Amino acid sequence: MRLAATVLGDLRRQLAAEVRAGERAAMQAIRAETEQVKQELRRQVTGAFGGNARGIAHAWRSQVFPRSGQSLRPAGLVWTKVPNVIDAFERGALIRAKGGRKFLAIPTGFNAARGRRGRGEKGLRVTPAQMVTSGQGFLRPFRSGRGFVWCLPLRQGEQTGPRRRTRLIAGGLAEIGTGNREGREAWARGMLQRGMVPMFLLLPQVELAKRLDVKGAAERGLRRLSGRFVAAWERESGRQAP
């Protein structure tokens, strides 16, 4: 039995057209998959840490190569501008105090970064150095015995402005509780009755929970890529309706 095949048209043109279709498909597939991996990683961050972590989430960036033109061998890169933060929460890192220090100083919500005026070290309202030099800081041990709460005495500041709100001054160093939340006045009076405010938690070490899965996101993207490429090539070559 003999088999015969006949090529209709210009074979070179057909092969060239197929290569161009493959290049377009490869670029479409890698571009779409790179974007999907980046969006998944951003969702991981906001899912793990909530809306307050949008800055860390949007630190994930992506780029496809070549940046212009077409290629059968494109590449997609996803990276973060805060690799140390991402690495720590992907591994579940154990963080210890450095430089011979015994404790990590972790700011509380009263003294959190990006405070009212964003002053001081990393935006803290009061830095550990200011706590020491003020001579007003004092310690309260945890019930577990694992660490301490580093506090400042609290006093009422002069009432100013049309609302005449109760102002809270921590150790004469900074004002705290500057928000406008409902029930603020009752909360402020309760704080004054306590007479102190926790500014830092002092712990010898902190073990972070593993909250991110960067490797898993990349592996899932690679598994999807081949199917995405084949579907795009079929569309580009006209073998399947778009």
Protein backbone atom coordinates (compact mmCIF):
# COMPACT_ATOMS: atom_id res chain seq x y z
CA MET A 1 0.00 0.00 0.00
CA ARG A 2 1.30 3.40 -0.88
CA LEU A 3 0.50 6.63 0.87
CA ALA A 4 0.84 9.97 -0.85
CA ALA A 5 0.55 13.50 0.52
CA THR A 6 0.14 16.74 -1.34
CA VAL A 7 0.90 20.14 0.13
CA LEU A 8 -1.45 22.83 -1.08
CA GLY A 9 0.03 26.30 -1.21
CA ASP A 10 3.44 27.54 -0.14
CA LEU A 11 4.86 25.29 2.60
CA ARG A 12 7.37 27.89 3.76
CA ARG A 13 4.68 30.49 4.17
CA GLN A 14 2.48 28.09 6.05
CA LEU A 15 5.30 27.14 8.41
CA ALA A 16 6.23 30.79 8.95
CA ALA A 17 2.61 31.65 9.69
CA GLU A 18 2.44 28.79 12.18
CA VAL A 19 5.60 30.00 13.90
CA ARG A 20 4.19 33.52 14.17
CA ALA A 21 0.98 32.11 15.61
CA GLY A 22 3.05 30.14 18.12
CA GLU A 23 4.97 33.25 19.13
CA ARG A 24 1.81 35.22 19.73
CA ALA A 25 0.32 32.32 21.69
CA ALA A 26 3.43 31.94 23.84
CA MET A 27 3.42 35.64 24.68
CA GLN A 28 -0.29 35.60 25.51
CA ALA A 29 0.08 32.52 27.71
CA ILE A 30 3.08 33.75 29.67
CA ARG A 31 1.61 37.23 30.08
CA ALA A 32 -1.72 35.89 31.39
CA GLU A 33 -0.10 33.33 33.70
CA THR A 34 2.40 35.82 35.10
CA GLU A 35 -0.43 38.18 35.94
CA GLN A 36 -2.48 35.39 37.54
CA VAL A 37 0.41 34.30 39.76
CA LYS A 38 1.00 37.91 40.86
CA GLN A 39 -2.68 38.40 41.69
CA GLU A 40 -2.77 35.12 43.63
CA LEU A 41 0.22 36.21 45.72
CA ARG A 42 -1.41 39.58 46.40
CA ARG A 43 -4.57 37.80 47.54
CA GLN A 44 -2.50 35.56 49.81
CA VAL A 45 -1.11 38.62 51.60
CA THR A 46 -4.45 40.38 52.07
CA GLY A 47 -6.08 37.09 53.05
CA ALA A 48 -3.42 36.44 55.68
CA PHE A 49 -3.06 39.95 57.10
CA GLY A 50 -6.23 41.82 56.11
CA GLY A 51 -6.74 45.14 54.40
CA ASN A 52 -4.00 46.85 56.41
CA ALA A 53 -1.45 44.84 54.41
CA ARG A 54 -2.41 46.30 51.03
CA GLY A 55 1.00 47.99 50.81
CA ILE A 56 2.77 44.64 51.19
CA ALA A 57 0.34 43.02 48.75
CA HIS A 58 0.95 45.64 46.08
CA ALA A 59 4.70 45.25 46.55
CA TRP A 60 4.32 42.17 44.32
CA ARG A 61 5.32 43.19 40.78
CA SER A 62 5.61 41.39 37.45
CA GLN A 63 7.35 41.72 34.10
CA VAL A 64 7.23 39.70 30.86
CA PHE A 65 10.26 39.29 28.58
CA PRO A 66 10.86 40.25 25.85
CA ARG A 67 9.29 43.58 26.74
CA SER A 68 8.39 44.20 23.10
CA GLY A 69 7.91 41.99 20.08
CA GLN A 70 7.09 38.28 19.98
CA SER A 71 9.01 35.16 20.95
CA LEU A 72 8.54 31.40 21.19
CA ARG A 73 10.59 31.47 24.39
CA PRO A 74 9.17 34.26 26.54
CA ALA A 75 9.69 34.49 30.29
CA GLY A 76 7.60 35.90 33.12
CA LEU A 77 9.05 37.26 36.35
CA VAL A 78 7.13 37.91 39.57
CA TRP A 79 8.99 39.57 42.45
CA THR A 80 8.35 41.54 45.61
CA LYS A 81 9.83 44.81 46.84
CA VAL A 82 9.78 43.47 50.43
CA PRO A 83 11.49 40.07 50.07
CA ASN A 84 12.53 39.80 53.72
CA VAL A 85 8.94 40.18 54.93
CA ILE A 86 7.60 37.65 52.43
CA ASP A 87 10.38 35.17 53.15
CA ALA A 88 9.79 35.35 56.90
CA PHE A 89 6.08 34.56 56.62
CA GLU A 90 6.60 31.88 53.98
CA ARG A 91 9.11 30.01 56.15
CA GLY A 92 7.54 30.76 59.51
CA ALA A 93 10.81 32.32 60.66
CA LEU A 94 12.04 32.53 64.24
CA ILE A 95 13.13 36.12 65.00
CA ARG A 96 15.53 36.79 67.86
CA ALA A 97 17.01 39.96 69.28
CA LYS A 98 20.37 40.88 67.75
CA GLY A 99 23.50 42.68 68.88
CA GLY A 100 23.62 41.11 72.32
CA ARG A 101 20.18 42.45 73.23
CA LYS A 102 17.89 40.27 75.31
CA PHE A 103 14.54 41.43 73.94
CA LEU A 104 12.74 42.45 70.79
CA ALA A 105 10.81 45.71 71.19
CA ILE A 106 7.48 45.28 69.37
CA PRO A 107 5.35 48.46 69.19
CA THR A 108 1.76 48.19 70.38
CA GLY A 109 -1.21 49.76 68.64
CA PHE A 110 -0.73 52.88 70.77
CA ASN A 111 2.75 53.30 69.35
CA ALA A 112 2.42 51.65 65.95
CA ALA A 113 4.43 52.67 62.91
CA ARG A 114 3.06 55.57 60.84
CA GLY A 115 1.65 57.27 63.91
CA ARG A 116 -0.19 60.58 63.93
CA ARG A 117 2.82 62.61 62.83
CA GLY A 118 4.94 59.76 61.52
CA ARG A 119 7.98 60.93 63.48
CA GLY A 120 10.83 59.01 64.99
CA GLU A 121 12.35 55.68 64.11
CA LYS A 122 10.31 54.01 61.35
CA GLY A 123 7.42 56.35 62.09
CA LEU A 124 6.97 55.35 65.74
CA ARG A 125 5.38 57.86 68.04
CA VAL A 126 7.99 57.01 70.67
CA THR A 127 11.21 55.10 69.96
CA PRO A 128 12.95 52.70 72.38
CA ALA A 129 15.76 55.25 72.72
CA GLN A 130 13.26 57.91 73.81
CA MET A 131 11.74 55.49 76.30
CA VAL A 132 15.16 55.00 77.90
CA THR A 133 16.29 58.64 77.92
CA SER A 134 12.97 59.86 79.32
CA GLY A 135 13.54 57.84 82.47
CA GLN A 136 9.77 57.27 82.69
CA GLY A 137 9.41 53.84 81.13
CA PHE A 138 8.55 50.96 83.45
CA LEU A 139 7.97 47.23 83.00
CA ARG A 140 5.01 44.98 83.72
CA PRO A 141 5.74 41.24 83.42
CA PHE A 142 3.57 38.88 81.37
CA ARG A 143 1.67 36.33 83.40
CA SER A 144 3.44 33.63 81.39
CA GLY A 145 6.83 35.04 82.40
CA ARG A 146 7.99 35.11 78.77
CA GLY A 147 8.42 38.86 78.53
CA PHE A 148 7.35 42.32 79.62
CA VAL A 149 5.08 45.20 78.67
CA TRP A 150 7.08 48.44 78.48
CA CYS A 151 4.81 51.27 79.60
CA LEU A 152 4.74 55.04 80.00
CA PRO A 153 2.72 57.03 82.55
CA LEU A 154 -0.34 58.70 81.11
CA ARG A 155 -1.68 62.16 81.84
CA GLN A 156 -4.36 64.43 80.44
CA GLY A 157 -3.24 67.16 78.09
CA GLU A 158 -4.76 70.58 77.67
CA GLN A 159 -8.09 70.47 75.86
CA THR A 160 -7.96 72.40 72.61
CA GLY A 161 -10.10 72.82 69.53
CA PRO A 162 -13.86 73.15 69.14
CA ARG A 163 -14.57 69.60 70.31
CA ARG A 164 -12.67 69.99 73.60
CA ARG A 165 -11.66 66.37 73.47
CA THR A 166 -9.74 64.62 76.21
CA ARG A 167 -6.11 64.48 75.11
CA LEU A 168 -3.83 61.68 76.27
CA ILE A 169 -0.10 62.39 76.68
CA ALA A 170 2.22 59.41 77.15
CA GLY A 171 5.16 60.28 79.39
CA GLY A 172 5.17 63.83 78.13
CA LEU A 173 6.63 62.47 74.88
CA ALA A 174 3.71 61.97 72.50
CA GLU A 175 -0.04 62.18 72.22
CA ILE A 176 -1.88 58.90 71.67
CA GLY A 177 -5.42 57.94 70.75
CA THR A 178 -5.87 60.69 68.17
CA GLY A 179 -8.62 58.98 66.18
CA ASN A 180 -12.26 60.02 65.94
CA ARG A 181 -13.87 56.67 66.62
CA GLU A 182 -17.23 56.36 68.32
CA GLY A 183 -17.00 56.23 72.10
CA ARG A 184 -13.55 57.79 72.13
CA GLU A 185 -14.21 60.02 75.15
CA ALA A 186 -15.30 57.14 77.38
CA TRP A 187 -12.29 55.15 76.19
CA ALA A 188 -9.94 58.08 76.93
CA ARG A 189 -11.31 58.51 80.46
CA GLY A 190 -10.84 54.80 81.09
CA MET A 191 -7.23 55.04 79.96
CA LEU A 192 -6.62 57.97 82.31
CA GLN A 193 -7.97 55.97 85.25
CA ARG A 194 -5.38 53.27 84.53
CA GLY A 195 -2.70 55.95 84.44
CA MET A 196 -0.42 54.14 82.02
CA VAL A 197 -0.20 53.06 78.41
CA PRO A 198 1.67 50.05 76.93
CA MET A 199 4.11 51.24 74.27
CA PHE A 200 6.20 48.12 73.53
CA LEU A 201 6.06 44.39 74.10
CA LEU A 202 9.48 43.01 75.10
CA LEU A 203 10.00 39.41 74.00
CA PRO A 204 13.21 37.34 73.68
CA GLN A 205 12.02 35.88 70.39
CA VAL A 206 8.99 35.64 68.13
CA GLU A 207 8.09 32.66 65.96
CA LEU A 208 6.08 33.79 62.95
CA ALA A 209 3.29 31.57 61.67
CA LYS A 210 3.67 30.30 58.11
CA ARG A 211 1.01 32.30 56.28
CA LEU A 212 2.17 32.43 52.66
CA ASP A 213 2.83 29.83 49.96
CA VAL A 214 4.90 31.51 47.25
CA LYS A 215 6.38 28.26 45.95
CA GLY A 216 2.92 26.71 45.64
CA ALA A 217 1.64 29.68 43.63
CA ALA A 218 4.58 29.38 41.22
CA GLU A 219 4.11 25.62 40.80
CA ARG A 220 0.39 26.00 40.11
CA GLY A 221 1.20 28.62 37.49
CA LEU A 222 3.65 26.28 35.73
CA ARG A 223 1.07 23.48 35.66
CA ARG A 224 -1.51 25.77 34.03
CA LEU A 225 0.90 27.26 31.50
CA SER A 226 1.02 24.41 28.98
CA GLY A 227 -2.76 24.19 28.66
CA ARG A 228 -3.03 27.96 28.34
CA PHE A 229 -0.37 27.94 25.60
CA VAL A 230 -2.05 25.19 23.56
CA ALA A 231 -5.43 26.91 23.72
CA ALA A 232 -3.90 30.22 22.65
CA TRP A 233 -2.02 28.61 19.75
CA GLU A 234 -5.18 26.98 18.49
CA ARG A 235 -6.94 30.32 18.51
CA GLU A 236 -4.06 32.12 16.82
CA SER A 237 -3.66 29.49 14.07
CA GLY A 238 -7.38 29.48 13.32
CA ARG A 239 -7.95 25.87 14.33
CA GLN A 240 -10.45 26.94 16.96
CA ALA A 241 -12.97 29.70 17.05
CA PRO A 242 -11.99 32.53 19.45
